[in-house]
N, C-alpha and C. Protein backbone atom coordinates (compact mmCIF):
# COMPACT_ATOMS: atom_id res chain seq x y z
N MET A 1 13.19 2.12 -22.64
CA MET A 1 13.76 1.58 -21.41
C MET A 1 12.78 0.56 -20.82
N SER A 2 13.24 -0.62 -20.51
CA SER A 2 12.36 -1.65 -19.97
C SER A 2 12.21 -1.51 -18.47
N THR A 3 11.10 -2.03 -17.97
CA THR A 3 10.87 -1.98 -16.54
C THR A 3 11.71 -3.04 -15.84
N GLU A 4 11.81 -2.92 -14.51
CA GLU A 4 12.57 -3.89 -13.72
C GLU A 4 12.01 -5.29 -13.91
N ASN A 5 10.67 -5.41 -13.94
CA ASN A 5 10.03 -6.71 -14.11
C ASN A 5 10.37 -7.32 -15.46
N GLU A 6 10.33 -6.49 -16.52
CA GLU A 6 10.67 -6.99 -17.84
C GLU A 6 12.13 -7.43 -17.90
N GLN A 7 13.02 -6.69 -17.27
CA GLN A 7 14.42 -7.06 -17.25
C GLN A 7 14.61 -8.39 -16.55
N PHE A 8 13.95 -8.57 -15.39
CA PHE A 8 14.09 -9.82 -14.64
C PHE A 8 13.56 -10.99 -15.45
N ASN A 9 12.43 -10.80 -16.12
CA ASN A 9 11.80 -11.89 -16.84
C ASN A 9 12.45 -12.19 -18.18
N SER A 10 13.18 -11.24 -18.75
CA SER A 10 13.71 -11.45 -20.08
C SER A 10 15.18 -11.84 -20.11
N GLU A 11 15.87 -11.70 -19.01
CA GLU A 11 17.29 -12.01 -18.99
C GLU A 11 17.55 -13.32 -18.26
N SER A 12 18.45 -14.13 -18.80
CA SER A 12 18.84 -15.32 -18.08
C SER A 12 19.96 -14.96 -17.11
N SER A 13 20.04 -15.71 -16.02
CA SER A 13 21.08 -15.46 -15.04
C SER A 13 21.38 -16.76 -14.32
N LYS A 14 22.46 -16.77 -13.57
CA LYS A 14 22.84 -17.94 -12.80
C LYS A 14 22.24 -17.86 -11.41
N THR A 15 21.74 -18.99 -10.91
CA THR A 15 21.24 -19.05 -9.54
C THR A 15 22.41 -19.34 -8.62
N GLU A 16 22.15 -19.28 -7.31
CA GLU A 16 23.23 -19.55 -6.35
C GLU A 16 23.74 -20.99 -6.45
N ASN A 17 22.93 -21.89 -7.00
CA ASN A 17 23.36 -23.28 -7.18
C ASN A 17 24.00 -23.53 -8.54
N GLY A 18 24.13 -22.47 -9.34
CA GLY A 18 24.80 -22.59 -10.63
C GLY A 18 23.87 -22.92 -11.79
N PHE A 19 22.57 -23.07 -11.53
CA PHE A 19 21.63 -23.33 -12.62
C PHE A 19 21.40 -22.05 -13.39
N GLU A 20 21.20 -22.18 -14.70
CA GLU A 20 20.85 -21.01 -15.49
C GLU A 20 19.35 -20.76 -15.35
N TRP A 21 18.95 -19.55 -14.98
CA TRP A 21 17.55 -19.18 -14.82
C TRP A 21 17.12 -18.55 -16.14
N VAL A 22 16.23 -19.19 -16.87
CA VAL A 22 15.82 -18.70 -18.18
C VAL A 22 14.32 -18.43 -18.19
N PRO A 23 13.89 -17.44 -18.97
CA PRO A 23 12.46 -17.15 -19.05
C PRO A 23 11.72 -18.26 -19.79
N SER A 24 10.47 -18.48 -19.40
CA SER A 24 9.62 -19.45 -20.07
C SER A 24 9.25 -18.94 -21.46
N PRO A 25 9.26 -19.81 -22.46
CA PRO A 25 8.86 -19.35 -23.80
C PRO A 25 7.36 -19.03 -23.86
N ASN A 26 6.60 -19.49 -22.86
CA ASN A 26 5.15 -19.24 -22.82
C ASN A 26 4.79 -18.00 -22.01
N GLY A 27 5.79 -17.29 -21.50
CA GLY A 27 5.52 -16.13 -20.68
C GLY A 27 5.37 -16.53 -19.22
N LEU A 28 5.16 -15.56 -18.37
CA LEU A 28 5.10 -15.78 -16.94
C LEU A 28 3.71 -15.42 -16.42
N PHE A 29 3.10 -16.33 -15.68
CA PHE A 29 1.81 -16.07 -15.04
C PHE A 29 2.06 -15.28 -13.77
N GLU A 30 1.41 -14.13 -13.64
CA GLU A 30 1.54 -13.33 -12.43
C GLU A 30 0.15 -13.06 -11.89
N MET A 31 0.06 -12.99 -10.56
CA MET A 31 -1.22 -12.71 -9.91
C MET A 31 -0.97 -12.05 -8.58
N TYR A 32 -2.01 -11.46 -8.02
CA TYR A 32 -1.95 -10.85 -6.70
C TYR A 32 -2.51 -11.84 -5.69
N CYS A 33 -1.90 -11.88 -4.50
CA CYS A 33 -2.34 -12.78 -3.44
C CYS A 33 -2.28 -12.04 -2.11
N ASN A 34 -3.36 -12.13 -1.33
CA ASN A 34 -3.33 -11.57 0.02
C ASN A 34 -3.85 -12.58 1.05
N TYR A 35 -3.92 -13.86 0.64
CA TYR A 35 -4.37 -14.91 1.54
C TYR A 35 -3.77 -16.23 1.09
N THR A 36 -3.27 -17.01 2.03
CA THR A 36 -2.72 -18.33 1.70
C THR A 36 -3.32 -19.39 2.61
N GLN A 37 -3.34 -20.60 2.10
CA GLN A 37 -3.79 -21.76 2.87
C GLN A 37 -2.84 -22.90 2.51
N THR A 38 -2.38 -23.63 3.51
CA THR A 38 -1.40 -24.69 3.24
C THR A 38 -1.94 -26.07 3.59
N SER A 39 -1.42 -27.05 2.88
CA SER A 39 -1.64 -28.46 3.19
C SER A 39 -0.35 -29.19 2.81
N TRP A 40 -0.17 -30.42 3.30
CA TRP A 40 1.10 -31.11 3.07
C TRP A 40 0.93 -32.62 3.06
N THR A 41 1.95 -33.24 2.51
CA THR A 41 2.08 -34.70 2.52
C THR A 41 3.49 -35.01 3.02
N LEU A 42 3.81 -36.26 3.05
CA LEU A 42 5.15 -36.69 3.43
C LEU A 42 6.20 -36.12 2.47
N TYR A 43 5.81 -35.87 1.23
CA TYR A 43 6.76 -35.50 0.18
C TYR A 43 6.81 -34.02 -0.17
N ASP A 44 5.72 -33.30 0.06
CA ASP A 44 5.69 -31.91 -0.40
C ASP A 44 4.66 -31.07 0.34
N ILE A 45 4.67 -29.78 0.01
CA ILE A 45 3.76 -28.81 0.59
C ILE A 45 3.00 -28.13 -0.55
N ARG A 46 1.70 -27.98 -0.35
CA ARG A 46 0.86 -27.27 -1.31
C ARG A 46 0.42 -25.96 -0.67
N VAL A 47 0.62 -24.86 -1.39
CA VAL A 47 0.20 -23.55 -0.92
C VAL A 47 -0.85 -23.04 -1.90
N SER A 48 -2.07 -22.91 -1.41
CA SER A 48 -3.15 -22.32 -2.21
C SER A 48 -3.08 -20.81 -2.03
N LEU A 49 -3.17 -20.09 -3.13
CA LEU A 49 -3.06 -18.64 -3.12
C LEU A 49 -4.41 -18.03 -3.45
N GLY A 50 -4.83 -17.07 -2.66
CA GLY A 50 -6.13 -16.47 -2.89
C GLY A 50 -6.13 -14.98 -2.68
N GLN A 51 -7.28 -14.41 -2.95
CA GLN A 51 -7.48 -12.98 -2.75
C GLN A 51 -8.75 -12.78 -1.96
N ILE A 52 -8.65 -12.06 -0.85
CA ILE A 52 -9.82 -11.75 -0.05
C ILE A 52 -10.59 -10.64 -0.75
N LYS A 53 -11.89 -10.90 -0.97
CA LYS A 53 -12.73 -9.96 -1.69
C LYS A 53 -14.05 -9.80 -0.95
N PRO A 54 -14.62 -8.61 -0.99
CA PRO A 54 -15.92 -8.42 -0.34
C PRO A 54 -17.03 -9.07 -1.17
N LEU A 55 -18.03 -9.59 -0.47
CA LEU A 55 -19.22 -10.07 -1.17
C LEU A 55 -20.01 -8.85 -1.63
N ARG A 56 -20.55 -8.91 -2.80
CA ARG A 56 -21.30 -7.76 -3.32
C ARG A 56 -22.60 -7.53 -2.56
N THR A 57 -23.14 -8.59 -1.98
CA THR A 57 -24.44 -8.47 -1.34
C THR A 57 -24.39 -7.97 0.09
N GLU A 58 -23.24 -8.14 0.76
CA GLU A 58 -23.12 -7.72 2.16
C GLU A 58 -21.83 -6.93 2.34
N SER A 59 -21.96 -5.73 2.92
CA SER A 59 -20.83 -4.81 2.97
C SER A 59 -19.68 -5.29 3.85
N ARG A 60 -19.93 -6.07 4.89
CA ARG A 60 -18.87 -6.46 5.82
C ARG A 60 -18.54 -7.95 5.75
N LYS A 61 -18.97 -8.63 4.70
CA LYS A 61 -18.67 -10.06 4.53
C LYS A 61 -17.64 -10.21 3.42
N PHE A 62 -16.68 -11.11 3.67
CA PHE A 62 -15.61 -11.32 2.70
C PHE A 62 -15.46 -12.81 2.40
N VAL A 63 -14.90 -13.12 1.26
CA VAL A 63 -14.55 -14.48 0.89
C VAL A 63 -13.11 -14.50 0.43
N ALA A 64 -12.47 -15.65 0.55
CA ALA A 64 -11.13 -15.83 0.00
C ALA A 64 -11.30 -16.59 -1.31
N GLU A 65 -11.08 -15.90 -2.40
CA GLU A 65 -11.24 -16.50 -3.73
C GLU A 65 -9.93 -17.17 -4.14
N GLU A 66 -9.96 -18.49 -4.33
CA GLU A 66 -8.75 -19.22 -4.72
C GLU A 66 -8.36 -18.82 -6.13
N ARG A 67 -7.08 -18.47 -6.31
CA ARG A 67 -6.58 -18.01 -7.60
C ARG A 67 -5.59 -18.98 -8.24
N ALA A 68 -4.77 -19.63 -7.41
CA ALA A 68 -3.73 -20.54 -7.93
C ALA A 68 -3.21 -21.37 -6.77
N ALA A 69 -2.39 -22.36 -7.08
CA ALA A 69 -1.74 -23.15 -6.05
C ALA A 69 -0.38 -23.59 -6.57
N ILE A 70 0.56 -23.72 -5.64
CA ILE A 70 1.87 -24.26 -5.99
C ILE A 70 2.16 -25.43 -5.05
N THR A 71 2.88 -26.40 -5.55
CA THR A 71 3.31 -27.53 -4.74
C THR A 71 4.82 -27.61 -4.84
N ILE A 72 5.48 -27.62 -3.66
CA ILE A 72 6.94 -27.64 -3.63
C ILE A 72 7.41 -28.72 -2.65
N SER A 73 8.63 -29.19 -2.87
CA SER A 73 9.22 -30.20 -1.99
C SER A 73 9.57 -29.57 -0.64
N TRP A 74 9.72 -30.42 0.38
CA TRP A 74 10.10 -29.93 1.71
C TRP A 74 11.43 -29.18 1.69
N PRO A 75 12.48 -29.69 1.02
CA PRO A 75 13.74 -28.93 0.99
C PRO A 75 13.58 -27.56 0.32
N GLN A 76 12.78 -27.50 -0.74
CA GLN A 76 12.57 -26.20 -1.39
C GLN A 76 11.74 -25.28 -0.51
N ALA A 77 10.81 -25.83 0.26
CA ALA A 77 10.01 -25.04 1.20
C ALA A 77 10.92 -24.40 2.26
N LYS A 78 11.91 -25.16 2.72
CA LYS A 78 12.82 -24.61 3.72
C LYS A 78 13.64 -23.47 3.13
N GLN A 79 14.10 -23.64 1.90
CA GLN A 79 14.86 -22.58 1.24
C GLN A 79 14.00 -21.35 1.04
N LEU A 80 12.74 -21.54 0.68
CA LEU A 80 11.82 -20.42 0.52
C LEU A 80 11.60 -19.71 1.86
N MET A 81 11.46 -20.49 2.95
CA MET A 81 11.29 -19.93 4.28
C MET A 81 12.48 -19.03 4.64
N ILE A 82 13.68 -19.49 4.36
CA ILE A 82 14.89 -18.72 4.66
C ILE A 82 14.91 -17.44 3.84
N SER A 83 14.60 -17.55 2.55
CA SER A 83 14.60 -16.37 1.68
C SER A 83 13.57 -15.36 2.12
N LEU A 84 12.36 -15.82 2.46
CA LEU A 84 11.32 -14.90 2.91
C LEU A 84 11.68 -14.24 4.24
N ALA A 85 12.27 -15.01 5.15
CA ALA A 85 12.69 -14.45 6.45
C ALA A 85 13.73 -13.35 6.24
N GLN A 86 14.67 -13.57 5.33
CA GLN A 86 15.69 -12.55 5.04
C GLN A 86 15.06 -11.30 4.43
N LEU A 87 14.11 -11.49 3.52
CA LEU A 87 13.44 -10.35 2.90
C LEU A 87 12.62 -9.55 3.91
N VAL A 88 11.86 -10.25 4.76
CA VAL A 88 11.05 -9.57 5.77
C VAL A 88 11.95 -8.82 6.75
N HIS A 89 13.03 -9.45 7.18
CA HIS A 89 13.96 -8.79 8.10
C HIS A 89 14.51 -7.51 7.47
N SER A 90 14.92 -7.59 6.23
CA SER A 90 15.48 -6.43 5.53
C SER A 90 14.42 -5.32 5.39
N TYR A 91 13.20 -5.71 5.03
CA TYR A 91 12.11 -4.74 4.90
C TYR A 91 11.85 -4.04 6.22
N GLU A 92 11.80 -4.81 7.32
CA GLU A 92 11.52 -4.23 8.63
C GLU A 92 12.68 -3.35 9.12
N GLN A 93 13.90 -3.67 8.75
CA GLN A 93 15.02 -2.82 9.11
C GLN A 93 14.88 -1.44 8.46
N THR A 94 14.34 -1.42 7.26
CA THR A 94 14.18 -0.17 6.52
C THR A 94 12.90 0.56 6.89
N ASN A 95 11.80 -0.17 7.06
CA ASN A 95 10.48 0.44 7.19
C ASN A 95 9.81 0.28 8.55
N GLY A 96 10.43 -0.45 9.46
CA GLY A 96 9.80 -0.71 10.75
C GLY A 96 9.01 -2.01 10.73
N GLU A 97 8.59 -2.41 11.91
CA GLU A 97 7.90 -3.68 12.08
C GLU A 97 6.61 -3.74 11.26
N ILE A 98 6.39 -4.86 10.60
CA ILE A 98 5.14 -5.11 9.90
C ILE A 98 4.13 -5.55 10.95
N LYS A 99 3.03 -4.82 11.03
CA LYS A 99 2.00 -5.13 12.03
C LYS A 99 0.76 -5.66 11.32
N PRO A 100 -0.04 -6.47 12.04
CA PRO A 100 -1.29 -6.96 11.44
C PRO A 100 -2.18 -5.78 11.02
N LEU A 101 -2.84 -5.94 9.90
CA LEU A 101 -3.73 -4.89 9.39
C LEU A 101 -5.09 -4.98 10.08
N ARG A 102 -5.74 -3.84 10.19
CA ARG A 102 -7.09 -3.79 10.75
C ARG A 102 -7.99 -3.08 9.76
N LEU A 103 -9.16 -3.61 9.55
CA LEU A 103 -10.13 -3.02 8.64
C LEU A 103 -10.79 -1.82 9.30
N THR A 104 -10.87 -0.72 8.59
CA THR A 104 -11.51 0.49 9.13
C THR A 104 -13.02 0.30 9.19
N PRO A 105 -13.69 1.06 10.07
CA PRO A 105 -15.15 0.99 10.12
C PRO A 105 -15.77 1.45 8.80
N ASP A 106 -16.93 0.94 8.50
CA ASP A 106 -17.65 1.30 7.28
C ASP A 106 -18.34 2.64 7.49
N PRO A 107 -17.90 3.72 6.82
CA PRO A 107 -18.49 5.04 7.05
C PRO A 107 -19.92 5.15 6.55
N THR A 108 -20.34 4.24 5.68
CA THR A 108 -21.70 4.32 5.14
C THR A 108 -22.75 3.79 6.12
N THR A 109 -22.30 3.19 7.22
CA THR A 109 -23.26 2.66 8.20
C THR A 109 -23.22 3.43 9.51
N SER A 110 -22.71 4.66 9.48
CA SER A 110 -22.64 5.46 10.71
C SER A 110 -24.06 5.81 11.14
N SER A 111 -24.22 6.10 12.43
CA SER A 111 -25.55 6.39 12.98
C SER A 111 -26.14 7.70 12.41
N THR A 112 -25.28 8.62 11.99
CA THR A 112 -25.79 9.90 11.48
C THR A 112 -26.10 9.82 9.99
N GLY A 113 -25.54 8.82 9.33
CA GLY A 113 -25.77 8.68 7.90
C GLY A 113 -24.91 9.58 7.04
N SER A 114 -24.07 10.39 7.68
CA SER A 114 -23.20 11.28 6.91
C SER A 114 -21.75 10.87 7.09
N ILE A 115 -20.96 11.20 6.10
CA ILE A 115 -19.53 10.91 6.13
C ILE A 115 -18.81 12.17 6.59
N GLU A 116 -18.12 12.06 7.69
CA GLU A 116 -17.40 13.21 8.21
C GLU A 116 -15.94 13.15 7.79
N PRO A 117 -15.35 14.30 7.46
CA PRO A 117 -13.94 14.33 7.03
C PRO A 117 -13.00 13.99 8.16
């Protein structure tokens, strides 16, 4: 039995505009992203995708490591905005409002030096 991801990537289907959506013969690049940065021109929008990672040398310092970037036209950006808004709305209807995340305190730097349950 194939996974949902394999089914999506291996089957062709029609898009809402009637285009056939076919898998790339070279496979699909997938990555995790938890940080974005945008820039734009008159013609398109570039979205840099990154991952926030802790620096190994300092426990409370982080960097955004750039992983990939996509460039899309303004009309496609608007369509993406609409699709994402619909997905977020549906998610929040099911799971409640998405709230900003907060980083927990570092238990290894407590004044007592011990980790309490």
